Structure formats: C-alpha cells, structure tokens
C-alpha cells in the first residue's frame, strides 16, 4: 500500500510539472488571447451595426474590459497551482500516516475507556469516507479524461490543464464543475470562435450531467448521509476556514464532525439535523427509539 501511495505521489509531481508548464504557457499567451477577445467584440459590434444598432466600440470596451475575463482565468489558474501543491502535501502526509497505521489500534485500546465502541465508530467513519473518496476519485478521473479528450478533439489549447481542473474541481460539490468550465469556454471563444465555445460548454454540461447525475449516484448509493443543504453550507464554511483545499475536503471533514456528534448522547440531536432524509435518518431514529424503550423498561 505504501509503495502504491509513493508511486501516486511521484506521478502527481510529474503531472504537476506538466500542468505547471501549461499554466506558464497560458500566462505567456494571455496578451494574444486578450487581443483575440477584443476582435470578437469588434465582430459582434460590426454585426450589430449592420442592423442599425449603433454602438461605439471604444466606449463599450471601456465598460467591458476583455482582459478582465482573461485575468479572472489567470487568477483561477494561480489558485489551482496552490491546490496542486496542497494536494501533493496531503498525499505525503497520508504516506507517513500509513507507516503508523499498524500501531494505531493498539494505541486506541490503551487510551480509551471503551475501545471496542470507539473502534466501531472509527471503522464506520473510515469505511464511509473511503467509499466516498474512491467513488468520487474515479468519477472525477472519468470527468477529467472525457473533458480532456473532448477539448483535444475540438483543438482547444492547453487541454491537459483544463482536464486537470475538471478533475480537481469535481471534488467541490455543486459549483466545482461550473468553475472548471469557465476558463476553458473563454479560451475556446477567443481562440476558435463562438461555435467551438458553444461545443466546449456543451461538452462540460453533458459530461457533468452523466457523471454527476447518473453514474455517481448509482455507485455512491446512500452516500455519506448528509443533506444537500448541509453539503452546501459545509462547502462555504470549510472554504472560508481552509481556502480551496477546505472546499475540496468539505464533505469528508463534515463527516468527521457528524460521526463525532453521533457518538455522544448529548450531541446526537445535532447529527440528526445534519443527516439526509433517507436511510441514514431512519437508522438514527431507530437507534434513538431503542434507547428510549430501554430507559422506559428500566
């Protein structure tokens, strides 16, 4: 297992180098992309003038700076570089944690008053998070691969970079796929025109719809038992607290909190509020009813 993780870390550093090179190339070509975007504006204004809709190009560009869109994409890519660095750091931490894994159960038995109960809770949490991360990673890999191949087929520059963004940002619930699509669609617009930009956007929509709404729910099953509102709020909270990495890890981190709340009788009601309206909630209700019956019999 350790060798596998080390191999993943090495491949991760190699991939980070390729993505970093793509980011540098994109930054160098930014003035060219800005010029092309201005030309796209001029073309649209020319077509409007053909319909007797008079618009002053210089005045319009003063209000709508085309460079702002490209600068936004650059800022997003800069954040992506930080995410890659932190992601690789997390992988290194996992490697060292695996070296300590064998002695961890023995330490738990020594440290806790009721180690069997705590170990069951820990095993439940680890199994849930492992299943979530495994399925999410496979779905994200599939998403990034399909997006990369689609952009390569369309001829969009830096397709490897956009595929990596689609892979990483797919971990962010609800809005990750939207953030991943913005720079790729903008680049397709300035490089190849509105037609290819539309096909690029269509590729993102179809891929994320199939992966996120069909394949992922089928294999995720009940998932981690968190309501949709809690997932969205956890995205905001952990993103505010830990930045982009917190957004990527918002669901597992919230599950840690939820499992901890379930273990205490005084905080169990908070875990009920976090649970989704499904099997997870019914399970918690059943456990509570059994405990209430035991108290009444006593």
C-alpha atoms as a PDB file:
ATOM      1  CA  UNK A   1       0.000   0.000   0.000  1.00  0.00           C
ATOM      2  CA  UNK A   2       2.826   2.384   0.892  1.00  0.00           C
ATOM      3  CA  UNK A   3       4.551   1.693  -2.432  1.00  0.00           C
ATOM      4  CA  UNK A   4       1.303   2.430  -4.252  1.00  0.00           C
ATOM      5  CA  UNK A   5       0.927   5.761  -2.450  1.00  0.00           C
ATOM      6  CA  UNK A   6       4.563   6.644  -3.155  1.00  0.00           C
ATOM      7  CA  UNK A   7       4.013   5.850  -6.833  1.00  0.00           C
ATOM      8  CA  UNK A   8       0.939   8.082  -6.835  1.00  0.00           C
ATOM      9  CA  UNK A   9       2.968  10.889  -5.237  1.00  0.00           C
ATOM     10  CA  UNK A  10       5.708  10.570  -7.876  1.00  0.00           C
ATOM     11  CA  UNK A  11       3.165  10.560 -10.698  1.00  0.00           C
ATOM     12  CA  UNK A  12       1.448  13.507  -9.038  1.00  0.00           C
ATOM     13  CA  UNK A  13       4.663  15.545  -9.057  1.00  0.00           C
ATOM     14  CA  UNK A  14       5.259  14.654 -12.718  1.00  0.00           C
ATOM     15  CA  UNK A  15       1.714  15.654 -13.635  1.00  0.00           C
ATOM     16  CA  UNK A  16       2.061  18.848 -11.606  1.00  0.00           C
ATOM     17  CA  UNK A  17       5.126  19.703 -13.694  1.00  0.00           C
ATOM     18  CA  UNK A  18       3.189  19.250 -16.935  1.00  0.00           C
ATOM     19  CA  UNK A  19       0.278  21.307 -15.646  1.00  0.00           C
ATOM     20  CA  UNK A  20       2.665  23.979 -14.378  1.00  0.00           C
ATOM     21  CA  UNK A  21       4.205  24.237 -17.842  1.00  0.00           C
ATOM     22  CA  UNK A  22       0.734  24.620 -19.342  1.00  0.00           C
ATOM     23  CA  UNK A  23      -0.024  27.372 -16.828  1.00  0.00           C
ATOM     24  CA  UNK A  24       3.156  29.224 -17.800  1.00  0.00           C
ATOM     25  CA  UNK A  25       2.321  28.897 -21.495  1.00  0.00           C
ATOM     26  CA  UNK A  26      -1.173  30.203 -20.855  1.00  0.00           C
ATOM     27  CA  UNK A  27       0.176  33.225 -18.957  1.00  0.00           C
ATOM     28  CA  UNK A  28       2.634  33.993 -21.768  1.00  0.00           C
ATOM     29  CA  UNK A  29      -0.140  33.814 -24.366  1.00  0.00           C
ATOM     30  CA  UNK A  30      -2.525  35.954 -22.319  1.00  0.00           C
ATOM     31  CA  UNK A  31      -1.877  39.180 -24.328  1.00  0.00           C
ATOM     32  CA  UNK A  32      -2.617  37.284 -27.552  1.00  0.00           C
ATOM     33  CA  UNK A  33      -5.847  35.897 -26.104  1.00  0.00           C
ATOM     34  CA  UNK A  34      -6.861  39.374 -24.941  1.00  0.00           C
ATOM     35  CA  UNK A  35      -6.304  40.741 -28.460  1.00  0.00           C
ATOM     36  CA  UNK A  36      -8.404  37.942 -29.929  1.00  0.00           C
ATOM     37  CA  UNK A  37     -11.169  38.634 -27.433  1.00  0.00           C
ATOM     38  CA  UNK A  38     -11.175  42.306 -28.483  1.00  0.00           C
ATOM     39  CA  UNK A  39     -11.529  41.149 -32.084  1.00  0.00           C
ATOM     40  CA  UNK A  40     -14.516  39.024 -31.071  1.00  0.00           C
ATOM     41  CA  UNK A  41     -16.105  42.112 -29.509  1.00  0.00           C
ATOM     42  CA  UNK A  42     -15.415  44.088 -32.683  1.00  0.00           C
ATOM     43  CA  UNK A  43     -17.019  41.390 -34.825  1.00  0.00           C
ATOM     44  CA  UNK A  44     -20.171  41.394 -32.684  1.00  0.00           C
ATOM     45  CA  UNK A  45     -20.340  45.198 -32.765  1.00  0.00           C
ATOM     46  CA  UNK A  46     -19.958  45.141 -36.551  1.00  0.00           C
ATOM     47  CA  UNK A  47     -22.874  42.738 -36.918  1.00  0.00           C
ATOM     48  CA  UNK A  48     -24.998  44.936 -34.636  1.00  0.00           C
ATOM     49  CA  UNK A  49     -24.162  47.978 -36.762  1.00  0.00           C
ATOM     50  CA  UNK A  50     -25.430  46.071 -39.811  1.00  0.00           C
ATOM     51  CA  UNK A  51     -28.829  46.033 -38.089  1.00  0.00           C
ATOM     52  CA  UNK A  52     -28.607  49.819 -37.444  1.00  0.00           C
ATOM     53  CA  UNK A  53     -27.756  49.267 -33.784  1.00  0.00           C
ATOM     54  CA  UNK A  54     -25.060  51.877 -33.298  1.00  0.00           C
ATOM     55  CA  UNK A  55     -22.526  51.067 -30.574  1.00  0.00           C
ATOM     56  CA  UNK A  56     -19.218  52.813 -30.024  1.00  0.00           C
ATOM     57  CA  UNK A  57     -16.544  50.139 -29.747  1.00  0.00           C
ATOM     58  CA  UNK A  58     -14.123  52.156 -27.615  1.00  0.00           C
ATOM     59  CA  UNK A  59     -16.855  53.175 -25.211  1.00  0.00           C
ATOM     60  CA  UNK A  60     -18.085  49.591 -24.905  1.00  0.00           C
ATOM     61  CA  UNK A  61     -14.586  48.255 -24.283  1.00  0.00           C
ATOM     62  CA  UNK A  62     -14.096  50.868 -21.573  1.00  0.00           C
ATOM     63  CA  UNK A  63     -17.061  49.367 -19.702  1.00  0.00           C
ATOM     64  CA  UNK A  64     -16.430  45.727 -20.615  1.00  0.00           C
ATOM     65  CA  UNK A  65     -12.704  45.130 -20.433  1.00  0.00           C
ATOM     66  CA  UNK A  66     -11.988  41.865 -22.288  1.00  0.00           C
ATOM     67  CA  UNK A  67      -8.809  41.472 -20.304  1.00  0.00           C
ATOM     68  CA  UNK A  68     -10.825  41.150 -17.112  1.00  0.00           C
ATOM     69  CA  UNK A  69     -12.201  37.799 -18.258  1.00  0.00           C
ATOM     70  CA  UNK A  70      -8.737  36.502 -19.060  1.00  0.00           C
ATOM     71  CA  UNK A  71      -7.351  37.882 -15.804  1.00  0.00           C
ATOM     72  CA  UNK A  72     -10.091  36.010 -13.952  1.00  0.00           C
ATOM     73  CA  UNK A  73      -8.999  32.815 -15.667  1.00  0.00           C
ATOM     74  CA  UNK A  74      -5.384  33.538 -14.718  1.00  0.00           C
ATOM     75  CA  UNK A  75      -6.348  34.061 -11.074  1.00  0.00           C
ATOM     76  CA  UNK A  76      -8.243  30.786 -11.128  1.00  0.00           C
ATOM     77  CA  UNK A  77      -5.195  29.007 -12.518  1.00  0.00           C
ATOM     78  CA  UNK A  78      -2.986  30.570  -9.847  1.00  0.00           C
ATOM     79  CA  UNK A  79      -5.332  29.167  -7.216  1.00  0.00           C
ATOM     80  CA  UNK A  80      -5.144  25.811  -8.983  1.00  0.00           C
ATOM     81  CA  UNK A  81      -1.375  25.828  -8.558  1.00  0.00           C
ATOM     82  CA  UNK A  82      -1.809  26.268  -4.809  1.00  0.00           C
ATOM     83  CA  UNK A  83      -4.364  23.469  -4.765  1.00  0.00           C
ATOM     84  CA  UNK A  84      -1.954  21.113  -6.536  1.00  0.00           C
ATOM     85  CA  UNK A  85       0.776  21.930  -4.025  1.00  0.00           C
ATOM     86  CA  UNK A  86      -1.502  21.297  -1.056  1.00  0.00           C
ATOM     87  CA  UNK A  87      -2.901  18.155  -2.691  1.00  0.00           C
ATOM     88  CA  UNK A  88       0.577  16.678  -3.040  1.00  0.00           C
ATOM     89  CA  UNK A  89       1.355  17.687   0.547  1.00  0.00           C
ATOM     90  CA  UNK A  90      -1.726  15.791   1.703  1.00  0.00           C
ATOM     91  CA  UNK A  91      -0.537  12.719  -0.210  1.00  0.00           C
ATOM     92  CA  UNK A  92       2.805  12.899   1.590  1.00  0.00           C
ATOM     93  CA  UNK A  93       1.011  13.134   4.934  1.00  0.00           C
ATOM     94  CA  UNK A  94      -1.018  10.048   4.013  1.00  0.00           C
ATOM     95  CA  UNK A  95       2.216   8.153   3.320  1.00  0.00           C
ATOM     96  CA  UNK A  96       3.545   8.889   6.801  1.00  0.00           C
ATOM     97  CA  UNK A  97       0.175   8.050   8.347  1.00  0.00           C
ATOM     98  CA  UNK A  98       0.298   4.626   6.697  1.00  0.00           C
ATOM     99  CA  UNK A  99       3.576   3.918   8.466  1.00  0.00           C
ATOM    100  CA  UNK A 100       1.737   4.449  11.780  1.00  0.00           C
ATOM    101  CA  UNK A 101      -1.398   2.520  10.804  1.00  0.00           C
ATOM    102  CA  UNK A 102      -0.355  -0.829  12.295  1.00  0.00           C
ATOM    103  CA  UNK A 103       0.172   0.529  15.807  1.00  0.00           C
ATOM    104  CA  UNK A 104      -2.909   2.775  15.815  1.00  0.00           C
ATOM    105  CA  UNK A 105      -5.481   0.158  17.036  1.00  0.00           C
ATOM    106  CA  UNK A 106      -3.227  -0.816  19.955  1.00  0.00           C
ATOM    107  CA  UNK A 107      -2.897   2.835  20.966  1.00  0.00           C
ATOM    108  CA  UNK A 108      -6.695   3.220  20.827  1.00  0.00           C
ATOM    109  CA  UNK A 109      -7.200   0.241  23.147  1.00  0.00           C
ATOM    110  CA  UNK A 110      -4.733   1.671  25.636  1.00  0.00           C
ATOM    111  CA  UNK A 111      -6.028   5.254  25.538  1.00  0.00           C
ATOM    112  CA  UNK A 112      -9.837   4.773  25.633  1.00  0.00           C
ATOM    113  CA  UNK A 113     -12.162   3.516  28.347  1.00  0.00           C
ATOM    114  CA  UNK A 114     -14.402   1.696  25.853  1.00  0.00           C
ATOM    115  CA  UNK A 115     -12.100   0.972  22.910  1.00  0.00           C
ATOM    116  CA  UNK A 116     -14.423  -1.523  21.209  1.00  0.00           C
ATOM    117  CA  UNK A 117     -17.210   1.050  20.816  1.00  0.00           C
ATOM    118  CA  UNK A 118     -14.792   3.737  19.655  1.00  0.00           C
ATOM    119  CA  UNK A 119     -13.146   1.398  17.160  1.00  0.00           C
ATOM    120  CA  UNK A 120     -16.541   0.528  15.680  1.00  0.00           C
ATOM    121  CA  UNK A 121     -17.256   4.226  15.220  1.00  0.00           C
ATOM    122  CA  UNK A 122     -13.827   4.792  13.686  1.00  0.00           C
ATOM    123  CA  UNK A 123     -14.256   1.813  11.352  1.00  0.00           C
ATOM    124  CA  UNK A 124     -17.674   3.116  10.299  1.00  0.00           C
ATOM    125  CA  UNK A 125     -16.250   6.532   9.541  1.00  0.00           C
ATOM    126  CA  UNK A 126     -13.213   5.191   7.659  1.00  0.00           C
ATOM    127  CA  UNK A 127     -15.375   2.878   5.553  1.00  0.00           C
ATOM    128  CA  UNK A 128     -17.789   5.680   4.656  1.00  0.00           C
ATOM    129  CA  UNK A 129     -15.068   8.158   3.750  1.00  0.00           C
ATOM    130  CA  UNK A 130     -13.053   5.515   1.878  1.00  0.00           C
ATOM    131  CA  UNK A 131     -16.052   4.595  -0.256  1.00  0.00           C
ATOM    132  CA  UNK A 132     -16.866   8.249  -0.886  1.00  0.00           C
ATOM    133  CA  UNK A 133     -13.316   9.198  -1.859  1.00  0.00           C
ATOM    134  CA  UNK A 134     -12.830   6.098  -4.025  1.00  0.00           C
ATOM    135  CA  UNK A 135     -16.046   6.646  -5.994  1.00  0.00           C
ATOM    136  CA  UNK A 136     -15.555  10.412  -6.182  1.00  0.00           C
ATOM    137  CA  UNK A 137     -11.978   9.996  -7.391  1.00  0.00           C
ATOM    138  CA  UNK A 138     -12.963   7.521 -10.112  1.00  0.00           C
ATOM    139  CA  UNK A 139     -15.824   9.765 -11.250  1.00  0.00           C
ATOM    140  CA  UNK A 140     -13.524  12.805 -11.222  1.00  0.00           C
ATOM    141  CA  UNK A 141     -10.885  10.928 -13.209  1.00  0.00           C
ATOM    142  CA  UNK A 142     -13.514   9.939 -15.748  1.00  0.00           C
ATOM    143  CA  UNK A 143     -14.737  13.526 -15.931  1.00  0.00           C
ATOM    144  CA  UNK A 144     -11.242  14.907 -16.460  1.00  0.00           C
ATOM    145  CA  UNK A 145     -10.420  12.268 -19.076  1.00  0.00           C
ATOM    146  CA  UNK A 146     -13.584  12.877 -21.101  1.00  0.00           C
ATOM    147  CA  UNK A 147     -13.185  16.672 -20.899  1.00  0.00           C
ATOM    148  CA  UNK A 148      -9.533  16.443 -21.939  1.00  0.00           C
ATOM    149  CA  UNK A 149     -10.308  14.233 -24.937  1.00  0.00           C
ATOM    150  CA  UNK A 150     -13.215  16.466 -25.980  1.00  0.00           C
ATOM    151  CA  UNK A 151     -11.102  19.633 -25.839  1.00  0.00           C
ATOM    152  CA  UNK A 152      -8.275  17.880 -27.701  1.00  0.00           C
ATOM    153  CA  UNK A 153     -10.753  16.864 -30.402  1.00  0.00           C
ATOM    154  CA  UNK A 154     -12.017  20.459 -30.654  1.00  0.00           C
ATOM    155  CA  UNK A 155      -8.481  21.844 -30.831  1.00  0.00           C
ATOM    156  CA  UNK A 156      -8.621  23.982 -27.669  1.00  0.00           C
ATOM    157  CA  UNK A 157      -5.184  24.966 -26.359  1.00  0.00           C
ATOM    158  CA  UNK A 158      -3.915  23.638 -23.012  1.00  0.00           C
ATOM    159  CA  UNK A 159      -6.477  20.825 -22.932  1.00  0.00           C
ATOM    160  CA  UNK A 160      -4.374  18.964 -20.326  1.00  0.00           C
ATOM    161  CA  UNK A 161      -4.669  21.936 -17.985  1.00  0.00           C
ATOM    162  CA  UNK A 162      -8.449  22.130 -18.334  1.00  0.00           C
ATOM    163  CA  UNK A 163      -8.730  18.356 -17.847  1.00  0.00           C
ATOM    164  CA  UNK A 164      -6.796  18.657 -14.583  1.00  0.00           C
ATOM    165  CA  UNK A 165      -9.067  21.493 -13.473  1.00  0.00           C
ATOM    166  CA  UNK A 166     -12.136  19.389 -14.283  1.00  0.00           C
ATOM    167  CA  UNK A 167     -10.679  16.528 -12.220  1.00  0.00           C
ATOM    168  CA  UNK A 168      -9.777  18.583  -9.149  1.00  0.00           C
ATOM    169  CA  UNK A 169     -12.772  20.910  -9.062  1.00  0.00           C
ATOM    170  CA  UNK A 170     -15.165  17.974  -9.422  1.00  0.00           C
ATOM    171  CA  UNK A 171     -14.465  17.297  -5.729  1.00  0.00           C
ATOM    172  CA  UNK A 172     -16.184  20.601  -4.897  1.00  0.00           C
ATOM    173  CA  UNK A 173     -19.931  19.938  -4.606  1.00  0.00           C
ATOM    174  CA  UNK A 174     -22.457  21.906  -6.661  1.00  0.00           C
ATOM    175  CA  UNK A 175     -20.218  24.636  -8.120  1.00  0.00           C
ATOM    176  CA  UNK A 176     -16.943  22.869  -8.932  1.00  0.00           C
ATOM    177  CA  UNK A 177     -17.940  21.804 -12.436  1.00  0.00           C
ATOM    178  CA  UNK A 178     -19.078  25.355 -13.251  1.00  0.00           C
ATOM    179  CA  UNK A 179     -15.767  26.856 -12.110  1.00  0.00           C
ATOM    180  CA  UNK A 180     -13.862  24.309 -14.200  1.00  0.00           C
ATOM    181  CA  UNK A 181     -15.800  25.166 -17.360  1.00  0.00           C
ATOM    182  CA  UNK A 182     -15.390  28.971 -17.281  1.00  0.00           C
ATOM    183  CA  UNK A 183     -11.726  29.355 -18.382  1.00  0.00           C
ATOM    184  CA  UNK A 184     -11.947  26.584 -20.994  1.00  0.00           C
ATOM    185  CA  UNK A 185     -15.047  28.121 -22.594  1.00  0.00           C
ATOM    186  CA  UNK A 186     -13.467  31.596 -22.562  1.00  0.00           C
ATOM    187  CA  UNK A 187     -10.320  30.291 -24.223  1.00  0.00           C
ATOM    188  CA  UNK A 188     -12.340  28.408 -26.843  1.00  0.00           C
ATOM    189  CA  UNK A 189     -14.212  31.647 -27.564  1.00  0.00           C
ATOM    190  CA  UNK A 190     -11.105  33.755 -28.163  1.00  0.00           C
ATOM    191  CA  UNK A 191      -9.143  31.020 -29.919  1.00  0.00           C
ATOM    192  CA  UNK A 192     -11.699  29.296 -32.141  1.00  0.00           C
ATOM    193  CA  UNK A 193     -14.841  31.428 -32.073  1.00  0.00           C
ATOM    194  CA  UNK A 194     -18.347  31.199 -30.587  1.00  0.00           C
ATOM    195  CA  UNK A 195     -19.219  27.930 -32.345  1.00  0.00           C
ATOM    196  CA  UNK A 196     -16.418  25.929 -30.735  1.00  0.00           C
ATOM    197  CA  UNK A 197     -17.034  27.751 -27.442  1.00  0.00           C
ATOM    198  CA  UNK A 198     -20.622  26.505 -27.546  1.00  0.00           C
ATOM    199  CA  UNK A 199     -19.436  22.952 -28.227  1.00  0.00           C
ATOM    200  CA  UNK A 200     -16.970  23.266 -25.351  1.00  0.00           C
ATOM    201  CA  UNK A 201     -19.729  24.340 -22.979  1.00  0.00           C
ATOM    202  CA  UNK A 202     -21.952  21.537 -24.283  1.00  0.00           C
ATOM    203  CA  UNK A 203     -19.203  19.010 -23.592  1.00  0.00           C
ATOM    204  CA  UNK A 204     -18.908  20.185 -19.984  1.00  0.00           C
ATOM    205  CA  UNK A 205     -22.680  20.100 -19.480  1.00  0.00           C
ATOM    206  CA  UNK A 206     -23.142  16.612 -20.943  1.00  0.00           C
ATOM    207  CA  UNK A 207     -20.115  15.139 -19.156  1.00  0.00           C
ATOM    208  CA  UNK A 208     -21.020  16.523 -15.737  1.00  0.00           C
ATOM    209  CA  UNK A 209     -24.682  15.592 -16.169  1.00  0.00           C
ATOM    210  CA  UNK A 210     -23.858  11.975 -16.998  1.00  0.00           C
ATOM    211  CA  UNK A 211     -21.100  11.626 -14.406  1.00  0.00           C
ATOM    212  CA  UNK A 212     -22.727  13.611 -11.615  1.00  0.00           C
ATOM    213  CA  UNK A 213     -26.399  12.708 -12.019  1.00  0.00           C
ATOM    214  CA  UNK A 214     -26.295   9.159 -13.406  1.00  0.00           C
ATOM    215  CA  UNK A 215     -23.031   7.318 -12.759  1.00  0.00           C
ATOM    216  CA  UNK A 216     -22.029   8.786  -9.388  1.00  0.00           C
ATOM    217  CA  UNK A 217     -25.432   8.378  -7.628  1.00  0.00           C
ATOM    218  CA  UNK A 218     -25.705   4.806  -8.912  1.00  0.00           C
ATOM    219  CA  UNK A 219     -22.456   3.714  -7.272  1.00  0.00           C
ATOM    220  CA  UNK A 220     -22.474   6.142  -4.352  1.00  0.00           C
ATOM    221  CA  UNK A 221     -25.806   4.773  -3.098  1.00  0.00           C
ATOM    222  CA  UNK A 222     -26.833   6.485   0.103  1.00  0.00           C
ATOM    223  CA  UNK A 223     -23.511   8.303   0.109  1.00  0.00           C
ATOM    224  CA  UNK A 224     -22.451   9.717   3.462  1.00  0.00           C
ATOM    225  CA  UNK A 225     -25.917  10.589   4.732  1.00  0.00           C
ATOM    226  CA  UNK A 226     -25.562  14.390   4.598  1.00  0.00           C
ATOM    227  CA  UNK A 227     -28.412  16.595   3.475  1.00  0.00           C
ATOM    228  CA  UNK A 228     -27.943  18.776   0.399  1.00  0.00           C
ATOM    229  CA  UNK A 229     -28.192  21.952   2.481  1.00  0.00           C
ATOM    230  CA  UNK A 230     -25.509  20.714   4.876  1.00  0.00           C
ATOM    231  CA  UNK A 231     -23.210  19.840   1.960  1.00  0.00           C
ATOM    232  CA  UNK A 232     -23.591  23.345   0.524  1.00  0.00           C
ATOM    233  CA  UNK A 233     -23.111  25.073   3.898  1.00  0.00           C
ATOM    234  CA  UNK A 234     -20.080  22.896   4.659  1.00  0.00           C
ATOM    235  CA  UNK A 235     -18.625  23.944   1.309  1.00  0.00           C
ATOM    236  CA  UNK A 236     -18.902  27.599   2.334  1.00  0.00           C
ATOM    237  CA  UNK A 237     -17.621  27.065   5.894  1.00  0.00           C
ATOM    238  CA  UNK A 238     -14.599  24.901   5.121  1.00  0.00           C
ATOM    239  CA  UNK A 239     -13.760  27.067   2.116  1.00  0.00           C
ATOM    240  CA  UNK A 240     -13.743  30.124   4.373  1.00  0.00           C
ATOM    241  CA  UNK A 241     -11.681  28.340   7.024  1.00  0.00           C
ATOM    242  CA  UNK A 242      -9.140  26.441   4.899  1.00  0.00           C
ATOM    243  CA  UNK A 243      -9.396  28.002   1.454  1.00  0.00           C
ATOM    244  CA  UNK A 244      -9.626  25.943  -1.721  1.00  0.00           C
ATOM    245  CA  UNK A 245      -8.370  22.766  -0.043  1.00  0.00           C
ATOM    246  CA  UNK A 246     -11.175  23.124   2.506  1.00  0.00           C
ATOM    247  CA  UNK A 247     -13.692  23.226  -0.346  1.00  0.00           C
ATOM    248  CA  UNK A 248     -12.202  20.052  -1.821  1.00  0.00           C
ATOM    249  CA  UNK A 249     -12.340  18.259   1.543  1.00  0.00           C
ATOM    250  CA  UNK A 250     -15.584  19.802   2.808  1.00  0.00           C
ATOM    251  CA  UNK A 251     -17.630  16.575   2.687  1.00  0.00           C
ATOM    252  CA  UNK A 252     -15.105  14.284   4.472  1.00  0.00           C
ATOM    253  CA  UNK A 253     -14.421  16.950   7.097  1.00  0.00           C
ATOM    254  CA  UNK A 254     -18.135  17.383   7.755  1.00  0.00           C
ATOM    255  CA  UNK A 255     -18.480  13.611   8.074  1.00  0.00           C
ATOM    256  CA  UNK A 256     -15.814  13.629  10.794  1.00  0.00           C
ATOM    257  CA  UNK A 257     -17.886  16.163  12.716  1.00  0.00           C
ATOM    258  CA  UNK A 258     -21.091  14.186  12.148  1.00  0.00           C
ATOM    259  CA  UNK A 259     -19.612  10.868  13.325  1.00  0.00           C
ATOM    260  CA  UNK A 260     -18.249  12.604  16.403  1.00  0.00           C
ATOM    261  CA  UNK A 261     -21.659  14.105  17.174  1.00  0.00           C
ATOM    262  CA  UNK A 262     -23.327  10.699  16.793  1.00  0.00           C
ATOM    263  CA  UNK A 263     -21.056   9.184  19.434  1.00  0.00           C
ATOM    264  CA  UNK A 264     -22.332  11.449  22.217  1.00  0.00           C
ATOM    265  CA  UNK A 265     -25.856  11.241  23.587  1.00  0.00           C
ATOM    266  CA  UNK A 266     -25.976  14.982  24.302  1.00  0.00           C
ATOM    267  CA  UNK A 267     -24.931  15.921  20.756  1.00  0.00           C
ATOM    268  CA  UNK A 268     -26.807  13.215  18.856  1.00  0.00           C
ATOM    269  CA  UNK A 269     -29.649  15.607  18.016  1.00  0.00           C
ATOM    270  CA  UNK A 270     -27.209  17.756  16.013  1.00  0.00           C
ATOM    271  CA  UNK A 271     -26.220  14.686  13.978  1.00  0.00           C
ATOM    272  CA  UNK A 272     -29.919  14.148  13.237  1.00  0.00           C
ATOM    273  CA  UNK A 273     -30.138  17.681  11.845  1.00  0.00           C
ATOM    274  CA  UNK A 274     -27.143  17.051   9.590  1.00  0.00           C
ATOM    275  CA  UNK A 275     -28.456  13.725   8.254  1.00  0.00           C
ATOM    276  CA  UNK A 276     -30.179  13.387   4.899  1.00  0.00           C
ATOM    277  CA  UNK A 277     -33.851  12.428   4.649  1.00  0.00           C
ATOM    278  CA  UNK A 278     -33.168   8.792   3.850  1.00  0.00           C
ATOM    279  CA  UNK A 279     -31.769   5.551   5.296  1.00  0.00           C
ATOM    280  CA  UNK A 280     -29.275   7.418   7.467  1.00  0.00           C
ATOM    281  CA  UNK A 281     -32.021   9.382   9.226  1.00  0.00           C
ATOM    282  CA  UNK A 282     -34.181   6.282   9.705  1.00  0.00           C
ATOM    283  CA  UNK A 283     -31.229   4.436  11.213  1.00  0.00           C
ATOM    284  CA  UNK A 284     -30.589   7.204  13.730  1.00  0.00           C
ATOM    285  CA  UNK A 285     -34.282   7.372  14.607  1.00  0.00           C
ATOM    286  CA  UNK A 286     -34.362   3.613  15.171  1.00  0.00           C
ATOM    287  CA  UNK A 287     -31.350   3.736  17.496  1.00  0.00           C
ATOM    288  CA  UNK A 288     -32.909   6.574  19.489  1.00  0.00           C
ATOM    289  CA  UNK A 289     -36.244   4.741  19.805  1.00  0.00           C
ATOM    290  CA  UNK A 290     -34.480   1.597  21.043  1.00  0.00           C
ATOM    291  CA  UNK A 291     -32.627   3.610  23.675  1.00  0.00           C
ATOM    292  CA  UNK A 292     -35.851   5.265  24.809  1.00  0.00           C
ATOM    293  CA  UNK A 293     -37.509   1.849  25.151  1.00  0.00           C
ATOM    294  CA  UNK A 294     -34.629   0.594  27.261  1.00  0.00           C
ATOM    295  CA  UNK A 295     -34.965   3.617  29.548  1.00  0.00           C
ATOM    296  CA  UNK A 296     -38.724   3.125  29.918  1.00  0.00           C
ATOM    297  CA  UNK A 297     -38.272  -0.559  30.801  1.00  0.00           C
ATOM    298  CA  UNK A 298     -35.764   0.362  33.463  1.00  0.00           C
END
